[in-house]
PDB file of N, CA and C in Angstrom:
ATOM      1  N   UNK A   1     171.869  98.105  66.573  1.00  0.00           N
ATOM      2  CA  UNK A   1     171.336  98.951  65.555  1.00  0.00           C
ATOM      3  C   UNK A   1     172.318 100.063  65.216  1.00  0.00           C
ATOM      4  N   UNK A   2     173.052 100.553  66.129  1.00  0.00           N
ATOM      5  CA  UNK A   2     174.043 101.581  65.885  1.00  0.00           C
ATOM      6  C   UNK A   2     175.129 101.081  64.962  1.00  0.00           C
ATOM      7  N   UNK A   3     175.520  99.809  65.145  1.00  0.00           N
ATOM      8  CA  UNK A   3     176.554  99.238  64.291  1.00  0.00           C
ATOM      9  C   UNK A   3     176.045  99.080  62.868  1.00  0.00           C
ATOM     10  N   UNK A   4     174.750  98.701  62.774  1.00  0.00           N
ATOM     11  CA  UNK A   4     174.164  98.576  61.435  1.00  0.00           C
ATOM     12  C   UNK A   4     174.098  99.925  60.754  1.00  0.00           C
ATOM     13  N   UNK A   5     173.736 100.943  61.512  1.00  0.00           N
ATOM     14  CA  UNK A   5     173.639 102.286  60.958  1.00  0.00           C
ATOM     15  C   UNK A   5     175.022 102.762  60.518  1.00  0.00           C
ATOM     16  N   UNK A   6     176.026 102.491  61.331  1.00  0.00           N
ATOM     17  CA  UNK A   6     177.389 102.864  60.972  1.00  0.00           C
ATOM     18  C   UNK A   6     177.822 102.102  59.720  1.00  0.00           C
ATOM     19  N   UNK A   7     177.459 100.852  59.598  1.00  0.00           N
ATOM     20  CA  UNK A   7     177.789 100.049  58.411  1.00  0.00           C
ATOM     21  C   UNK A   7     177.110 100.601  57.175  1.00  0.00           C
ATOM     22  N   UNK A   8     175.825 100.946  57.340  1.00  0.00           N
ATOM     23  CA  UNK A   8     175.073 101.501  56.200  1.00  0.00           C
ATOM     24  C   UNK A   8     175.689 102.827  55.768  1.00  0.00           C
ATOM     25  N   UNK A   9     176.028 103.666  56.755  1.00  0.00           N
ATOM     26  CA  UNK A   9     176.641 104.952  56.425  1.00  0.00           C
ATOM     27  C   UNK A   9     177.999 104.756  55.761  1.00  0.00           C
ATOM     28  N   UNK A  10     178.735 103.749  56.234  1.00  0.00           N
ATOM     29  CA  UNK A  10     180.042 103.475  55.641  1.00  0.00           C
ATOM     30  C   UNK A  10     179.891 103.031  54.191  1.00  0.00           C
ATOM     31  N   UNK A  11     178.900 102.156  53.950  1.00  0.00           N
ATOM     32  CA  UNK A  11     178.641 101.706  52.571  1.00  0.00           C
ATOM     33  C   UNK A  11     178.198 102.883  51.718  1.00  0.00           C
ATOM     34  N   UNK A  12     177.336 103.735  52.259  1.00  0.00           N
ATOM     35  CA  UNK A  12     176.871 104.921  51.527  1.00  0.00           C
ATOM     36  C   UNK A  12     178.025 105.850  51.194  1.00  0.00           C
ATOM     37  N   UNK A  13     178.930 106.028  52.168  1.00  0.00           N
ATOM     38  CA  UNK A  13     180.084 106.891  51.936  1.00  0.00           C
ATOM     39  C   UNK A  13     180.985 106.286  50.858  1.00  0.00           C
ATOM     40  N   UNK A  14     181.147 104.966  50.904  1.00  0.00           N
ATOM     41  CA  UNK A  14     181.976 104.298  49.901  1.00  0.00           C
ATOM     42  C   UNK A  14     181.360 104.446  48.515  1.00  0.00           C
ATOM     43  N   UNK A  15     180.050 104.268  48.442  1.00  0.00           N
ATOM     44  CA  UNK A  15     179.364 104.442  47.157  1.00  0.00           C
ATOM     45  C   UNK A  15     179.477 105.875  46.656  1.00  0.00           C
ATOM     46  N   UNK A  16     179.318 106.831  47.578  1.00  0.00           N
ATOM     47  CA  UNK A  16     179.454 108.236  47.190  1.00  0.00           C
ATOM     48  C   UNK A  16     180.853 108.499  46.663  1.00  0.00           C
ATOM     49  N   UNK A  17     181.841 107.919  47.291  1.00  0.00           N
ATOM     50  CA  UNK A  17     183.215 108.076  46.833  1.00  0.00           C
ATOM     51  C   UNK A  17     183.415 107.483  45.451  1.00  0.00           C
ATOM     52  N   UNK A  18     182.809 106.313  45.211  1.00  0.00           N
ATOM     53  CA  UNK A  18     182.909 105.694  43.880  1.00  0.00           C
ATOM     54  C   UNK A  18     182.234 106.553  42.825  1.00  0.00           C
ATOM     55  N   UNK A  19     181.073 107.078  43.185  1.00  0.00           N
ATOM     56  CA  UNK A  19     180.319 107.900  42.232  1.00  0.00           C
ATOM     57  C   UNK A  19     181.110 109.153  41.891  1.00  0.00           C
ATOM     58  N   UNK A  20     181.632 109.814  42.937  1.00  0.00           N
ATOM     59  CA  UNK A  20     182.404 111.032  42.700  1.00  0.00           C
ATOM     60  C   UNK A  20     183.659 110.703  41.895  1.00  0.00           C
ATOM     61  N   UNK A  21     184.322 109.633  42.230  1.00  0.00           N
ATOM     62  CA  UNK A  21     185.528 109.236  41.501  1.00  0.00           C
ATOM     63  C   UNK A  21     185.221 108.889  40.062  1.00  0.00           C
ATOM     64  N   UNK A  22     184.137 108.152  39.866  1.00  0.00           N
ATOM     65  CA  UNK A  22     183.793 107.780  38.494  1.00  0.00           C
ATOM     66  C   UNK A  22     183.330 108.983  37.704  1.00  0.00           C
ATOM     67  N   UNK A  23     182.668 109.942  38.345  1.00  0.00           N
ATOM     68  CA  UNK A  23     182.238 111.128  37.606  1.00  0.00           C
ATOM     69  C   UNK A  23     183.445 111.960  37.198  1.00  0.00           C
ATOM     70  N   UNK A  24     184.486 112.007  38.061  1.00  0.00           N
ATOM     71  CA  UNK A  24     185.712 112.724  37.674  1.00  0.00           C
ATOM     72  C   UNK A  24     186.407 112.006  36.525  1.00  0.00           C
ATOM     73  N   UNK A  25     186.468 110.672  36.594  1.00  0.00           N
ATOM     74  CA  UNK A  25     187.069 109.914  35.494  1.00  0.00           C
ATOM     75  C   UNK A  25     186.249 110.091  34.223  1.00  0.00           C
ATOM     76  N   UNK A  26     184.924 110.052  34.389  1.00  0.00           N
ATOM     77  CA  UNK A  26     184.035 110.224  33.246  1.00  0.00           C
ATOM     78  C   UNK A  26     184.258 111.608  32.621  1.00  0.00           C
ATOM     79  N   UNK A  27     184.359 112.630  33.464  1.00  0.00           N
ATOM     80  CA  UNK A  27     184.586 113.989  32.974  1.00  0.00           C
ATOM     81  C   UNK A  27     185.921 114.067  32.239  1.00  0.00           C
ATOM     82  N   UNK A  28     186.944 113.456  32.800  1.00  0.00           N
ATOM     83  CA  UNK A  28     188.251 113.450  32.153  1.00  0.00           C
ATOM     84  C   UNK A  28     188.207 112.693  30.833  1.00  0.00           C
ATOM     85  N   UNK A  29     187.493 111.568  30.805  1.00  0.00           N
ATOM     86  CA  UNK A  29     187.342 110.808  29.555  1.00  0.00           C
ATOM     87  C   UNK A  29     186.612 111.636  28.506  1.00  0.00           C
ATOM     88  N   UNK A  30     185.580 112.338  28.952  1.00  0.00           N
ATOM     89  CA  UNK A  30     184.812 113.160  28.012  1.00  0.00           C
ATOM     90  C   UNK A  30     185.684 114.294  27.463  1.00  0.00           C
ATOM     91  N   UNK A  31     186.502 114.909  28.318  1.00  0.00           N
ATOM     92  CA  UNK A  31     187.400 115.959  27.844  1.00  0.00           C
ATOM     93  C   UNK A  31     188.376 115.396  26.813  1.00  0.00           C
ATOM     94  N   UNK A  32     188.882 114.223  27.087  1.00  0.00           N
ATOM     95  CA  UNK A  32     189.813 113.584  26.167  1.00  0.00           C
ATOM     96  C   UNK A  32     189.135 113.277  24.838  1.00  0.00           C
ATOM     97  N   UNK A  33     187.916 112.750  24.909  1.00  0.00           N
ATOM     98  CA  UNK A  33     187.173 112.442  23.684  1.00  0.00           C
ATOM     99  C   UNK A  33     186.874 113.712  22.893  1.00  0.00           C
ATOM    100  N   UNK A  34     186.468 114.774  23.594  1.00  0.00           N
ATOM    101  CA  UNK A  34     186.207 116.048  22.910  1.00  0.00           C
ATOM    102  C   UNK A  34     187.467 116.546  22.214  1.00  0.00           C
ATOM    103  N   UNK A  35     188.589 116.428  22.897  1.00  0.00           N
ATOM    104  CA  UNK A  35     189.852 116.852  22.286  1.00  0.00           C
ATOM    105  C   UNK A  35     190.178 116.036  21.051  1.00  0.00           C
ATOM    106  N   UNK A  36     189.986 114.717  21.150  1.00  0.00           N
ATOM    107  CA  UNK A  36     190.250 113.849  19.997  1.00  0.00           C
ATOM    108  C   UNK A  36     189.320 114.180  18.841  1.00  0.00           C
ATOM    109  N   UNK A  37     188.030 114.347  19.157  1.00  0.00           N
ATOM    110  CA  UNK A  37     187.064 114.671  18.105  1.00  0.00           C
ATOM    111  C   UNK A  37     187.364 116.033  17.499  1.00  0.00           C
ATOM    112  N   UNK A  38     187.737 116.991  18.337  1.00  0.00           N
ATOM    113  CA  UNK A  38     188.081 118.317  17.825  1.00  0.00           C
ATOM    114  C   UNK A  38     189.254 118.245  16.861  1.00  0.00           C
ATOM    115  N   UNK A  39     190.250 117.438  17.206  1.00  0.00           N
ATOM    116  CA  UNK A  39     191.398 117.268  16.315  1.00  0.00           C
ATOM    117  C   UNK A  39     190.998 116.623  15.008  1.00  0.00           C
ATOM    118  N   UNK A  40     190.151 115.604  15.084  1.00  0.00           N
ATOM    119  CA  UNK A  40     189.704 114.925  13.863  1.00  0.00           C
ATOM    120  C   UNK A  40     188.868 115.862  12.999  1.00  0.00           C
ATOM    121  N   UNK A  41     188.036 116.666  13.648  1.00  0.00           N
ATOM    122  CA  UNK A  41     187.218 117.626  12.891  1.00  0.00           C
ATOM    123  C   UNK A  41     188.117 118.631  12.180  1.00  0.00           C
ATOM    124  N   UNK A  42     189.120 119.124  12.879  1.00  0.00           N
ATOM    125  CA  UNK A  42     190.048 120.072  12.251  1.00  0.00           C
ATOM    126  C   UNK A  42     190.803 119.424  11.090  1.00  0.00           C
ATOM    127  N   UNK A  43     191.194 118.162  11.268  1.00  0.00           N
ATOM    128  CA  UNK A  43     191.862 117.442  10.179  1.00  0.00           C
ATOM    129  C   UNK A  43     190.946 117.334   8.965  1.00  0.00           C
ATOM    130  N   UNK A  44     189.674 116.981   9.211  1.00  0.00           N
ATOM    131  CA  UNK A  44     188.711 116.861   8.114  1.00  0.00           C
ATOM    132  C   UNK A  44     188.480 118.203   7.428  1.00  0.00           C
ATOM    133  N   UNK A  45     188.420 119.266   8.221  1.00  0.00           N
ATOM    134  CA  UNK A  45     188.246 120.596   7.627  1.00  0.00           C
ATOM    135  C   UNK A  45     189.423 120.921   6.711  1.00  0.00           C
ATOM    136  N   UNK A  46     190.610 120.595   7.172  1.00  0.00           N
ATOM    137  CA  UNK A  46     191.785 120.832   6.342  1.00  0.00           C
ATOM    138  C   UNK A  46     191.737 120.033   5.050  1.00  0.00           C
ATOM    139  N   UNK A  47     191.339 118.771   5.151  1.00  0.00           N
ATOM    140  CA  UNK A  47     191.220 117.937   3.947  1.00  0.00           C
ATOM    141  C   UNK A  47     190.160 118.493   3.010  1.00  0.00           C
ATOM    142  N   UNK A  48     189.042 118.934   3.587  1.00  0.00           N
ATOM    143  CA  UNK A  48     187.962 119.485   2.759  1.00  0.00           C
ATOM    144  C   UNK A  48     188.439 120.750   2.040  1.00  0.00           C
ATOM    145  N   UNK A  49     189.177 121.609   2.741  1.00  0.00           N
ATOM    146  CA  UNK A  49     189.711 122.817   2.090  1.00  0.00           C
ATOM    147  C   UNK A  49     190.649 122.435   0.952  1.00  0.00           C
ATOM    148  N   UNK A  50     191.491 121.451   1.211  1.00  0.00           N
ATOM    149  CA  UNK A  50     192.408 121.006   0.162  1.00  0.00           C
ATOM    150  C   UNK A  50     191.677 120.465  -1.051  1.00  0.00           C
ATOM    151  N   UNK A  51     190.667 119.641  -0.800  1.00  0.00           N
ATOM    152  CA  UNK A  51     189.884 119.087  -1.913  1.00  0.00           C
ATOM    153  C   UNK A  51     189.141 120.186  -2.662  1.00  0.00           C
ATOM    154  N   UNK A  52     188.600 121.150  -1.907  1.00  0.00           N
ATOM    155  CA  UNK A  52     187.870 122.247  -2.545  1.00  0.00           C
ATOM    156  C   UNK A  52     188.809 123.031  -3.462  1.00  0.00           C
ATOM    157  N   UNK A  53     190.010 123.314  -2.994  1.00  0.00           N
ATOM    158  CA  UNK A  53     190.977 124.038  -3.825  1.00  0.00           C
ATOM    159  C   UNK A  53     191.381 123.206  -5.045  1.00  0.00           C
ATOM    160  N   UNK A  54     191.556 121.912  -4.831  1.00  0.00           N
ATOM    161  CA  UNK A  54     191.907 121.027  -5.944  1.00  0.00           C
ATOM    162  C   UNK A  54     190.801 121.027  -6.997  1.00  0.00           C
ATOM    163  N   UNK A  55     189.544 120.921  -6.545  1.00  0.00           N
ATOM    164  CA  UNK A  55     188.422 120.921  -7.482  1.00  0.00           C
ATOM    165  C   UNK A  55     188.297 122.266  -8.184  1.00  0.00           C
ATOM    166  N   UNK A  56     188.548 123.347  -7.455  1.00  0.00           N
ATOM    167  CA  UNK A  56     188.498 124.666  -8.100  1.00  0.00           C
ATOM    168  C   UNK A  56     189.522 124.745  -9.217  1.00  0.00           C
ATOM    169  N   UNK A  57     190.704 124.221  -8.966  1.00  0.00           N
ATOM    170  CA  UNK A  57     191.730 124.211 -10.002  1.00  0.00           C
ATOM    171  C   UNK A  57     191.312 123.387 -11.205  1.00  0.00           C
ATOM    172  N   UNK A  58     190.732 122.222 -10.936  1.00  0.00           N
ATOM    173  CA  UNK A  58     190.277 121.366 -12.039  1.00  0.00           C
ATOM    174  C   UNK A  58     189.147 122.032 -12.808  1.00  0.00           C
ATOM    175  N   UNK A  59     188.234 122.669 -12.094  1.00  0.00           N
ATOM    176  CA  UNK A  59     187.118 123.348 -12.764  1.00  0.00           C
ATOM    177  C   UNK A  59     187.641 124.479 -13.631  1.00  0.00           C
ATOM    178  N   UNK A  60     188.615 125.225 -13.122  1.00  0.00           N
ATOM    179  CA  UNK A  60     189.200 126.310 -13.909  1.00  0.00           C
ATOM    180  C   UNK A  60     189.865 125.759 -15.168  1.00  0.00           C
ATOM    181  N   UNK A  61     190.534 124.606 -15.023  1.00  0.00           N
ATOM    182  CA  UNK A  61     191.140 123.974 -16.187  1.00  0.00           C
ATOM    183  C   UNK A  61     190.104 123.568 -17.223  1.00  0.00           C
ATOM    184  N   UNK A  62     188.998 123.009 -16.761  1.00  0.00           N
ATOM    185  CA  UNK A  62     187.925 122.603 -17.679  1.00  0.00           C
ATOM    186  C   UNK A  62     187.326 123.834 -18.347  1.00  0.00           C
ATOM    187  N   UNK A  63     187.153 124.907 -17.588  1.00  0.00           N
ATOM    188  CA  UNK A  63     186.614 126.141 -18.179  1.00  0.00           C
ATOM    189  C   UNK A  63     187.541 126.667 -19.268  1.00  0.00           C
ATOM    190  N   UNK A  64     188.830 126.605 -19.022  1.00  0.00           N
ATOM    191  CA  UNK A  64     189.790 127.056 -20.035  1.00  0.00           C
ATOM    192  C   UNK A  64     189.686 126.195 -21.287  1.00  0.00           C
ATOM    193  N   UNK A  65     189.582 124.884 -21.120  1.00  0.00           N
ATOM    194  CA  UNK A  65     189.450 123.990 -22.270  1.00  0.00           C
ATOM    195  C   UNK A  65     188.170 124.281 -23.038  1.00  0.00           C
ATOM    196  N   UNK A  66     187.079 124.510 -22.324  1.00  0.00           N
ATOM    197  CA  UNK A  66     185.804 124.819 -22.979  1.00  0.00           C
ATOM    198  C   UNK A  66     185.931 126.118 -23.761  1.00  0.00           C
ATOM    199  N   UNK A  67     186.593 127.101 -23.175  1.00  0.00           N
ATOM    200  CA  UNK A  67     186.786 128.376 -23.868  1.00  0.00           C
ATOM    201  C   UNK A  67     187.585 128.175 -25.151  1.00  0.00           C
ATOM    202  N   UNK A  68     188.639 127.369 -25.082  1.00  0.00           N
ATOM    203  CA  UNK A  68     189.437 127.084 -26.278  1.00  0.00           C
ATOM    204  C   UNK A  68     188.607 126.367 -27.332  1.00  0.00           C
ATOM    205  N   UNK A  69     187.787 125.403 -26.889  1.00  0.00           N
ATOM    206  CA  UNK A  69     186.943 124.674 -27.840  1.00  0.00           C
ATOM    207  C   UNK A  69     185.918 125.594 -28.488  1.00  0.00           C
ATOM    208  N   UNK A  70     185.382 126.535 -27.717  1.00  0.00           N
ATOM    209  CA  UNK A  70     184.427 127.487 -28.305  1.00  0.00           C
ATOM    210  C   UNK A  70     185.111 128.339 -29.363  1.00  0.00           C
ATOM    211  N   UNK A  71     186.316 128.758 -29.053  1.00  0.00           N
ATOM    212  CA  UNK A  71     187.069 129.562 -30.023  1.00  0.00           C
ATOM    213  C   UNK A  71     187.335 128.763 -31.295  1.00  0.00           C
ATOM    214  N   UNK A  72     187.766 127.518 -31.134  1.00  0.00           N
ATOM    215  CA  UNK A  72     188.011 126.657 -32.295  1.00  0.00           C
ATOM    216  C   UNK A  72     186.725 126.424 -33.077  1.00  0.00           C
ATOM    217  N   UNK A  73     185.609 126.271 -32.363  1.00  0.00           N
ATOM    218  CA  UNK A  73     184.323 126.064 -33.034  1.00  0.00           C
ATOM    219  C   UNK A  73     183.955 127.292 -33.861  1.00  0.00           C
ATOM    220  N   UNK A  74     184.169 128.486 -33.292  1.00  0.00           N
ATOM    221  CA  UNK A  74     183.890 129.712 -34.055  1.00  0.00           C
ATOM    222  C   UNK A  74     184.765 129.778 -35.310  1.00  0.00           C
ATOM    223  N   UNK A  75     186.030 129.412 -35.153  1.00  0.00           N
ATOM    224  CA  UNK A  75     186.933 129.415 -36.308  1.00  0.00           C
ATOM    225  C   UNK A  75     186.443 128.444 -37.380  1.00  0.00           C
ATOM    226  N   UNK A  76     186.049 127.243 -36.958  1.00  0.00           N
ATOM    227  CA  UNK A  76     185.566 126.249 -37.919  1.00  0.00           C
ATOM    228  C   UNK A  76     184.276 126.698 -38.586  1.00  0.00           C
ATOM    229  N   UNK A  77     183.408 127.332 -37.818  1.00  0.00           N
ATOM    230  CA  UNK A  77     182.168 127.850 -38.424  1.00  0.00           C
ATOM    231  C   UNK A  77     182.492 128.887 -39.496  1.00  0.00           C
ATOM    232  N   UNK A  78     183.496 129.718 -39.219  1.00  0.00           N
ATOM    233  CA  UNK A  78     183.915 130.704 -40.222  1.00  0.00           C
ATOM    234  C   UNK A  78     184.437 130.029 -41.474  1.00  0.00           C
ATOM    235  N   UNK A  79     185.228 128.977 -41.301  1.00  0.00           N
ATOM    236  CA  UNK A  79     185.743 128.240 -42.458  1.00  0.00           C
ATOM    237  C   UNK A  79     184.602 127.599 -43.240  1.00  0.00           C
ATOM    238  N   UNK A  80     183.667 126.983 -42.516  1.00  0.00           N
ATOM    239  CA  UNK A  80     182.516 126.354 -43.195  1.00  0.00           C
ATOM    240  C   UNK A  80     181.731 127.406 -43.968  1.00  0.00           C
ATOM    241  N   UNK A  81     181.528 128.563 -43.362  1.00  0.00           N
ATOM    242  CA  UNK A  81     180.808 129.634 -44.066  1.00  0.00           C
ATOM    243  C   UNK A  81     181.561 130.033 -45.339  1.00  0.00           C
ATOM    244  N   UNK A  82     182.876 130.137 -45.207  1.00  0.00           N
ATOM    245  CA  UNK A  82     183.684 130.473 -46.392  1.00  0.00           C
ATOM    246  C   UNK A  82     183.536 129.434 -47.485  1.00  0.00           C
ATOM    247  N   UNK A  83     183.539 128.158 -47.108  1.00  0.00           N
ATOM    248  CA  UNK A  83     183.348 127.086 -48.103  1.00  0.00           C
ATOM    249  C   UNK A  83     181.972 127.179 -48.736  1.00  0.00           C
ATOM    250  N   UNK A  84     180.957 127.487 -47.934  1.00  0.00           N
ATOM    251  CA  UNK A  84     179.600 127.606 -48.495  1.00  0.00           C
ATOM    252  C   UNK A  84     179.538 128.738 -49.509  1.00  0.00           C
ATOM    253  N   UNK A  85     180.149 129.856 -49.178  1.00  0.00           N
ATOM    254  CA  UNK A  85     180.147 130.997 -50.109  1.00  0.00           C
ATOM    255  C   UNK A  85     180.876 130.620 -51.386  1.00  0.00           C
ATOM    256  N   UNK A  86     182.020 129.964 -51.258  1.00  0.00           N
ATOM    257  CA  UNK A  86     182.788 129.548 -52.428  1.00  0.00           C
ATOM    258  C   UNK A  86     181.994 128.574 -53.290  1.00  0.00           C
ATOM    259  N   UNK A  87     181.355 127.602 -52.642  1.00  0.00           N
ATOM    260  CA  UNK A  87     180.551 126.614 -53.385  1.00  0.00           C
ATOM    261  C   UNK A  87     179.381 127.299 -54.080  1.00  0.00           C
ATOM    262  N   UNK A  88     178.724 128.214 -53.363  1.00  0.00           N
ATOM    263  CA  UNK A  88     177.593 128.931 -53.961  1.00  0.00           C
ATOM    264  C   UNK A  88     178.057 129.734 -55.182  1.00  0.00           C
ATOM    265  N   UNK A  89     179.205 130.375 -55.062  1.00  0.00           N
ATOM    266  CA  UNK A  89     179.744 131.131 -56.203  1.00  0.00           C
ATOM    267  C   UNK A  89     180.049 130.209 -57.377  1.00  0.00           C
ATOM    268  N   UNK A  90     180.674 129.077 -57.107  1.00  0.00           N
ATOM    269  CA  UNK A  90     180.995 128.135 -58.193  1.00  0.00           C
ATOM    270  C   UNK A  90     179.723 127.618 -58.872  1.00  0.00           C
ATOM    271  N   UNK A  91     178.734 127.271 -58.050  1.00  0.00           N
ATOM    272  CA  UNK A  91     177.465 126.788 -58.613  1.00  0.00           C
ATOM    273  C   UNK A  91     176.834 127.879 -59.472  1.00  0.00           C
ATOM    274  N   UNK A  92     176.887 129.111 -58.985  1.00  0.00           N
ATOM    275  CA  UNK A  92     176.306 130.217 -59.760  1.00  0.00           C
ATOM    276  C   UNK A  92     177.035 130.395 -61.086  1.00  0.00           C
ATOM    277  N   UNK A  93     178.371 130.267 -61.063  1.00  0.00           N
ATOM    278  CA  UNK A  93     179.122 130.393 -62.327  1.00  0.00           C
ATOM    279  C   UNK A  93     178.780 129.245 -63.282  1.00  0.00           C
ATOM    280  N   UNK A  94     178.673 128.037 -62.738  1.00  0.00           N
ATOM    281  CA  UNK A  94     178.328 126.880 -63.581  1.00  0.00           C
ATOM    282  C   UNK A  94     176.938 127.068 -64.166  1.00  0.00           C
ATOM    283  N   UNK A  95     175.989 127.497 -63.331  1.00  0.00           N
ATOM    284  CA  UNK A  95     174.631 127.727 -63.834  1.00  0.00           C
ATOM    285  C   UNK A  95     174.635 128.800 -64.914  1.00  0.00           C
ATOM    286  N   UNK A  96     175.449 129.846 -64.702  1.00  0.00           N
ATOM    287  CA  UNK A  96     175.511 130.922 -65.710  1.00  0.00           C
ATOM    288  C   UNK A  96     176.074 130.391 -67.028  1.00  0.00           C
ATOM    289  N   UNK A  97     177.114 129.546 -66.944  1.00  0.00           N
ATOM    290  CA  UNK A  97     177.680 128.976 -68.166  1.00  0.00           C
ATOM    291  C   UNK A  97     176.653 128.097 -68.868  1.00  0.00           C
ATOM    292  N   UNK A  98     175.942 127.290 -68.078  1.00  0.00           N
ATOM    293  CA  UNK A  98     174.933 126.414 -68.674  1.00  0.00           C
ATOM    294  C   UNK A  98     173.832 127.257 -69.303  1.00  0.00           C
ATOM    295  N   UNK A  99     173.402 128.296 -68.601  1.00  0.00           N
ATOM    296  CA  UNK A  99     172.348 129.151 -69.123  1.00  0.00           C
ATOM    297  C   UNK A  99     172.817 129.876 -70.384  1.00  0.00           C
ATOM    298  N   UNK A 100     174.038 130.418 -70.322  1.00  0.00           N
ATOM    299  CA  UNK A 100     174.580 131.109 -71.498  1.00  0.00           C
ATOM    300  C   UNK A 100     174.710 130.139 -72.678  1.00  0.00           C
ATOM    301  N   UNK A 101     175.105 128.912 -72.414  1.00  0.00           N
ATOM    302  CA  UNK A 101     175.234 127.910 -73.491  1.00  0.00           C
ATOM    303  C   UNK A 101     173.862 127.559 -74.052  1.00  0.00           C
ATOM    304  N   UNK A 102     172.884 127.495 -73.179  1.00  0.00           N
ATOM    305  CA  UNK A 102     171.534 127.160 -73.663  1.00  0.00           C
ATOM    306  C   UNK A 102     170.990 128.307 -74.495  1.00  0.00           C
ATOM    307  N   UNK A 103     171.249 129.528 -74.059  1.00  0.00           N
ATOM    308  CA  UNK A 103     170.770 130.697 -74.820  1.00  0.00           C
ATOM    309  C   UNK A 103     171.503 130.775 -76.153  1.00  0.00           C
ATOM    310  N   UNK A 104     172.792 130.543 -76.106  1.00  0.00           N
ATOM    311  CA  UNK A 104     173.578 130.603 -77.362  1.00  0.00           C
ATOM    312  C   UNK A 104     173.129 129.502 -78.306  1.00  0.00           C
ATOM    313  N   UNK A 105     172.785 128.345 -77.788  1.00  0.00           N
ATOM    314  CA  UNK A 105     172.336 127.249 -78.621  1.00  0.00           C
ATOM    315  C   UNK A 105     171.002 127.555 -79.262  1.00  0.00           C
ATOM    316  N   UNK A 106     170.136 128.251 -78.594  1.00  0.00           N
ATOM    317  CA  UNK A 106     168.845 128.617 -79.153  1.00  0.00           C
ATOM    318  C   UNK A 106     169.002 129.665 -80.257  1.00  0.00           C
ATOM    319  N   UNK A 107     169.948 130.540 -80.055  1.00  0.00           N
ATOM    320  CA  UNK A 107     170.144 131.616 -81.042  1.00  0.00           C
ATOM    321  C   UNK A 107     170.682 131.090 -82.355  1.00  0.00           C
ATOM    322  N   UNK A 108     171.494 130.039 -82.354  1.00  0.00           N
ATOM    323  CA  UNK A 108     172.060 129.523 -83.582  1.00  0.00           C
ATOM    324  C   UNK A 108     171.112 128.524 -84.230  1.00  0.00           C
ATOM    325  N   UNK A 109     170.248 127.928 -83.454  1.00  0.00           N
ATOM    326  CA  UNK A 109     169.336 126.954 -83.999  1.00  0.00           C
ATOM    327  C   UNK A 109     168.217 127.629 -84.765  1.00  0.00           C
ATOM    328  N   UNK A 110     167.899 128.847 -84.534  1.00  0.00           N
ATOM    329  CA  UNK A 110     166.750 129.492 -85.092  1.00  0.00           C
ATOM    330  C   UNK A 110     166.901 130.134 -86.363  1.00  0.00           C
TER     331      UNK A 110
END
């Protein structure tokens, strides 16, 4: 029975050694994985910052284009208004000529 007990204790000690060894390896593997993940996270953060800056630049460019288009639209609206005023004036002159001709025609007919 003493030999069996010594054998059992020896097996237990061997298992304890394996467990301790594997836990140290596991801990080292986990540290390595954390380091790798930390590096990848930092890389992604850098890429995200770069993309954010790129998009900000593109958005600023689009805003500038929109501002230019608004300015051009205001200019065109001014031109259209000018054409409307000119057309209205011409129509008024034509109507006045027609009216004056109609009045003059009535005066000579009577």
